């Protein structure tokens, strides 16, 4: 086994909760989460940030933070965001995914769960 450290396949992942509940319980799908995911994916590609060694934009089922929805989480840092519109997504892409700077104003409050 090699003792050399290797770079991760992706530098960062952003996961968007796209969960939809049929019983009218709070869920991210009620807040245009799919459109936010689509916007993020397009913006990451447009800026040349997509692909191995860079950023991967992923869909996720329920991330169990419904009360803060819509939510997205960036790994490896484990930073949770609540967003409202495409400009919030643009800020996350530019500040965090591109430059590694957390967008403090969009952080999901720690206490919010389901």
C-alpha atoms as a PDB file:
ATOM      1  CA  UNK A   1       0.000   0.000   0.000  1.00  0.00           C
ATOM      2  CA  UNK A   2       1.328   3.400  -0.961  1.00  0.00           C
ATOM      3  CA  UNK A   3       1.858   6.034   1.720  1.00  0.00           C
ATOM      4  CA  UNK A   4       1.485   8.846  -0.806  1.00  0.00           C
ATOM      5  CA  UNK A   5      -1.612  10.976  -0.466  1.00  0.00           C
ATOM      6  CA  UNK A   6      -3.790  11.170  -3.517  1.00  0.00           C
ATOM      7  CA  UNK A   7      -6.037  13.945  -4.657  1.00  0.00           C
ATOM      8  CA  UNK A   8      -9.766  13.257  -4.466  1.00  0.00           C
ATOM      9  CA  UNK A   9     -11.502  12.556  -7.756  1.00  0.00           C
ATOM     10  CA  UNK A  10     -13.625  15.694  -7.224  1.00  0.00           C
ATOM     11  CA  UNK A  11     -12.423  18.671  -5.200  1.00  0.00           C
ATOM     12  CA  UNK A  12     -15.976  19.456  -4.084  1.00  0.00           C
ATOM     13  CA  UNK A  13     -19.446  17.972  -4.354  1.00  0.00           C
ATOM     14  CA  UNK A  14     -22.626  19.975  -3.954  1.00  0.00           C
ATOM     15  CA  UNK A  15     -25.738  17.927  -3.245  1.00  0.00           C
ATOM     16  CA  UNK A  16     -29.199  19.435  -3.744  1.00  0.00           C
ATOM     17  CA  UNK A  17     -32.134  17.909  -1.906  1.00  0.00           C
ATOM     18  CA  UNK A  18     -34.821  17.327  -4.527  1.00  0.00           C
ATOM     19  CA  UNK A  19     -37.107  15.302  -2.299  1.00  0.00           C
ATOM     20  CA  UNK A  20     -40.846  15.596  -2.834  1.00  0.00           C
ATOM     21  CA  UNK A  21     -43.339  14.496  -0.186  1.00  0.00           C
ATOM     22  CA  UNK A  22     -46.813  13.488  -1.325  1.00  0.00           C
ATOM     23  CA  UNK A  23     -48.547  14.257   1.980  1.00  0.00           C
ATOM     24  CA  UNK A  24     -48.021  18.063   1.915  1.00  0.00           C
ATOM     25  CA  UNK A  25     -45.219  17.902   4.485  1.00  0.00           C
ATOM     26  CA  UNK A  26     -42.462  20.465   4.007  1.00  0.00           C
ATOM     27  CA  UNK A  27     -39.993  19.422   1.333  1.00  0.00           C
ATOM     28  CA  UNK A  28     -37.371  21.014  -0.867  1.00  0.00           C
ATOM     29  CA  UNK A  29     -39.265  20.230  -4.074  1.00  0.00           C
ATOM     30  CA  UNK A  30     -41.929  22.746  -2.965  1.00  0.00           C
ATOM     31  CA  UNK A  31     -39.257  25.465  -3.229  1.00  0.00           C
ATOM     32  CA  UNK A  32     -38.093  24.969  -6.830  1.00  0.00           C
ATOM     33  CA  UNK A  33     -35.137  22.813  -5.832  1.00  0.00           C
ATOM     34  CA  UNK A  34     -34.956  21.212  -9.288  1.00  0.00           C
ATOM     35  CA  UNK A  35     -34.587  24.639 -10.933  1.00  0.00           C
ATOM     36  CA  UNK A  36     -31.830  25.553  -8.464  1.00  0.00           C
ATOM     37  CA  UNK A  37     -30.015  22.284  -9.213  1.00  0.00           C
ATOM     38  CA  UNK A  38     -30.314  22.896 -12.964  1.00  0.00           C
ATOM     39  CA  UNK A  39     -29.071  26.465 -12.576  1.00  0.00           C
ATOM     40  CA  UNK A  40     -26.103  25.391 -10.447  1.00  0.00           C
ATOM     41  CA  UNK A  41     -25.111  22.632 -12.858  1.00  0.00           C
ATOM     42  CA  UNK A  42     -25.237  25.027 -15.834  1.00  0.00           C
ATOM     43  CA  UNK A  43     -23.287  27.722 -13.980  1.00  0.00           C
ATOM     44  CA  UNK A  44     -20.571  25.295 -12.843  1.00  0.00           C
ATOM     45  CA  UNK A  45     -20.162  24.096 -16.440  1.00  0.00           C
ATOM     46  CA  UNK A  46     -20.223  27.654 -17.802  1.00  0.00           C
ATOM     47  CA  UNK A  47     -17.380  28.670 -15.463  1.00  0.00           C
ATOM     48  CA  UNK A  48     -15.324  25.588 -16.360  1.00  0.00           C
ATOM     49  CA  UNK A  49     -15.518  24.223 -12.819  1.00  0.00           C
ATOM     50  CA  UNK A  50     -17.073  20.837 -13.676  1.00  0.00           C
ATOM     51  CA  UNK A  51     -15.307  17.516 -13.897  1.00  0.00           C
ATOM     52  CA  UNK A  52     -12.599  15.412 -12.280  1.00  0.00           C
ATOM     53  CA  UNK A  53     -10.385  17.401  -9.945  1.00  0.00           C
ATOM     54  CA  UNK A  54     -13.023  20.119  -9.764  1.00  0.00           C
ATOM     55  CA  UNK A  55     -16.742  20.244  -8.882  1.00  0.00           C
ATOM     56  CA  UNK A  56     -19.570  17.736  -9.187  1.00  0.00           C
ATOM     57  CA  UNK A  57     -23.204  18.871  -8.869  1.00  0.00           C
ATOM     58  CA  UNK A  58     -25.407  16.034  -7.573  1.00  0.00           C
ATOM     59  CA  UNK A  59     -29.072  15.338  -6.950  1.00  0.00           C
ATOM     60  CA  UNK A  60     -30.017  13.937  -3.565  1.00  0.00           C
ATOM     61  CA  UNK A  61     -33.113  12.516  -1.981  1.00  0.00           C
ATOM     62  CA  UNK A  62     -34.164  13.701   1.444  1.00  0.00           C
ATOM     63  CA  UNK A  63     -31.245  15.205   3.369  1.00  0.00           C
ATOM     64  CA  UNK A  64     -33.427  15.429   6.526  1.00  0.00           C
ATOM     65  CA  UNK A  65     -33.155  19.214   6.931  1.00  0.00           C
ATOM     66  CA  UNK A  66     -36.661  19.926   5.602  1.00  0.00           C
ATOM     67  CA  UNK A  67     -37.349  22.807   8.002  1.00  0.00           C
ATOM     68  CA  UNK A  68     -34.509  24.742   6.368  1.00  0.00           C
ATOM     69  CA  UNK A  69     -35.515  23.926   2.834  1.00  0.00           C
ATOM     70  CA  UNK A  70     -34.559  24.212   0.187  1.00  0.00           C
ATOM     71  CA  UNK A  71     -31.111  22.979   1.143  1.00  0.00           C
ATOM     72  CA  UNK A  72     -27.842  22.023  -0.488  1.00  0.00           C
ATOM     73  CA  UNK A  73     -24.673  20.726   1.150  1.00  0.00           C
ATOM     74  CA  UNK A  74     -21.078  21.096  -0.030  1.00  0.00           C
ATOM     75  CA  UNK A  75     -18.517  18.392   0.697  1.00  0.00           C
ATOM     76  CA  UNK A  76     -15.844  17.736   1.792  1.00  0.00           C
ATOM     77  CA  UNK A  77     -16.452  20.709   4.090  1.00  0.00           C
ATOM     78  CA  UNK A  78     -19.989  19.663   5.096  1.00  0.00           C
ATOM     79  CA  UNK A  79     -21.348  23.204   4.695  1.00  0.00           C
ATOM     80  CA  UNK A  80     -25.152  23.436   4.547  1.00  0.00           C
ATOM     81  CA  UNK A  81     -26.871  26.181   2.598  1.00  0.00           C
ATOM     82  CA  UNK A  82     -30.438  27.431   2.363  1.00  0.00           C
ATOM     83  CA  UNK A  83     -31.083  29.425  -0.790  1.00  0.00           C
ATOM     84  CA  UNK A  84     -33.925  31.472  -2.232  1.00  0.00           C
ATOM     85  CA  UNK A  85     -33.200  32.280  -5.858  1.00  0.00           C
ATOM     86  CA  UNK A  86     -30.678  31.901  -8.698  1.00  0.00           C
ATOM     87  CA  UNK A  87     -28.561  34.787  -7.396  1.00  0.00           C
ATOM     88  CA  UNK A  88     -28.009  32.811  -4.165  1.00  0.00           C
ATOM     89  CA  UNK A  89     -26.882  29.833  -6.228  1.00  0.00           C
ATOM     90  CA  UNK A  90     -24.552  32.090  -8.233  1.00  0.00           C
ATOM     91  CA  UNK A  91     -23.017  33.333  -4.992  1.00  0.00           C
ATOM     92  CA  UNK A  92     -22.475  29.792  -3.687  1.00  0.00           C
ATOM     93  CA  UNK A  93     -20.868  28.772  -6.987  1.00  0.00           C
ATOM     94  CA  UNK A  94     -18.591  31.803  -7.211  1.00  0.00           C
ATOM     95  CA  UNK A  95     -17.651  32.109  -3.543  1.00  0.00           C
ATOM     96  CA  UNK A  96     -17.578  28.531  -2.282  1.00  0.00           C
ATOM     97  CA  UNK A  97     -17.268  26.158  -5.210  1.00  0.00           C
ATOM     98  CA  UNK A  98     -14.823  28.325  -7.148  1.00  0.00           C
ATOM     99  CA  UNK A  99     -12.937  30.207  -4.421  1.00  0.00           C
ATOM    100  CA  UNK A 100     -13.421  28.092  -1.276  1.00  0.00           C
ATOM    101  CA  UNK A 101     -15.100  30.908   0.696  1.00  0.00           C
ATOM    102  CA  UNK A 102     -18.193  29.991   2.713  1.00  0.00           C
ATOM    103  CA  UNK A 103     -21.237  32.199   2.077  1.00  0.00           C
ATOM    104  CA  UNK A 104     -22.114  32.975   5.692  1.00  0.00           C
ATOM    105  CA  UNK A 105     -25.455  34.674   4.962  1.00  0.00           C
ATOM    106  CA  UNK A 106     -26.826  31.518   3.301  1.00  0.00           C
ATOM    107  CA  UNK A 107     -25.830  29.004   5.984  1.00  0.00           C
ATOM    108  CA  UNK A 108     -28.640  26.743   7.167  1.00  0.00           C
ATOM    109  CA  UNK A 109     -29.130  27.326  10.911  1.00  0.00           C
ATOM    110  CA  UNK A 110     -27.561  24.425  12.812  1.00  0.00           C
ATOM    111  CA  UNK A 111     -30.705  23.608  14.793  1.00  0.00           C
ATOM    112  CA  UNK A 112     -32.935  23.100  11.744  1.00  0.00           C
ATOM    113  CA  UNK A 113     -33.664  19.501  11.003  1.00  0.00           C
ATOM    114  CA  UNK A 114     -36.804  17.874   9.789  1.00  0.00           C
END
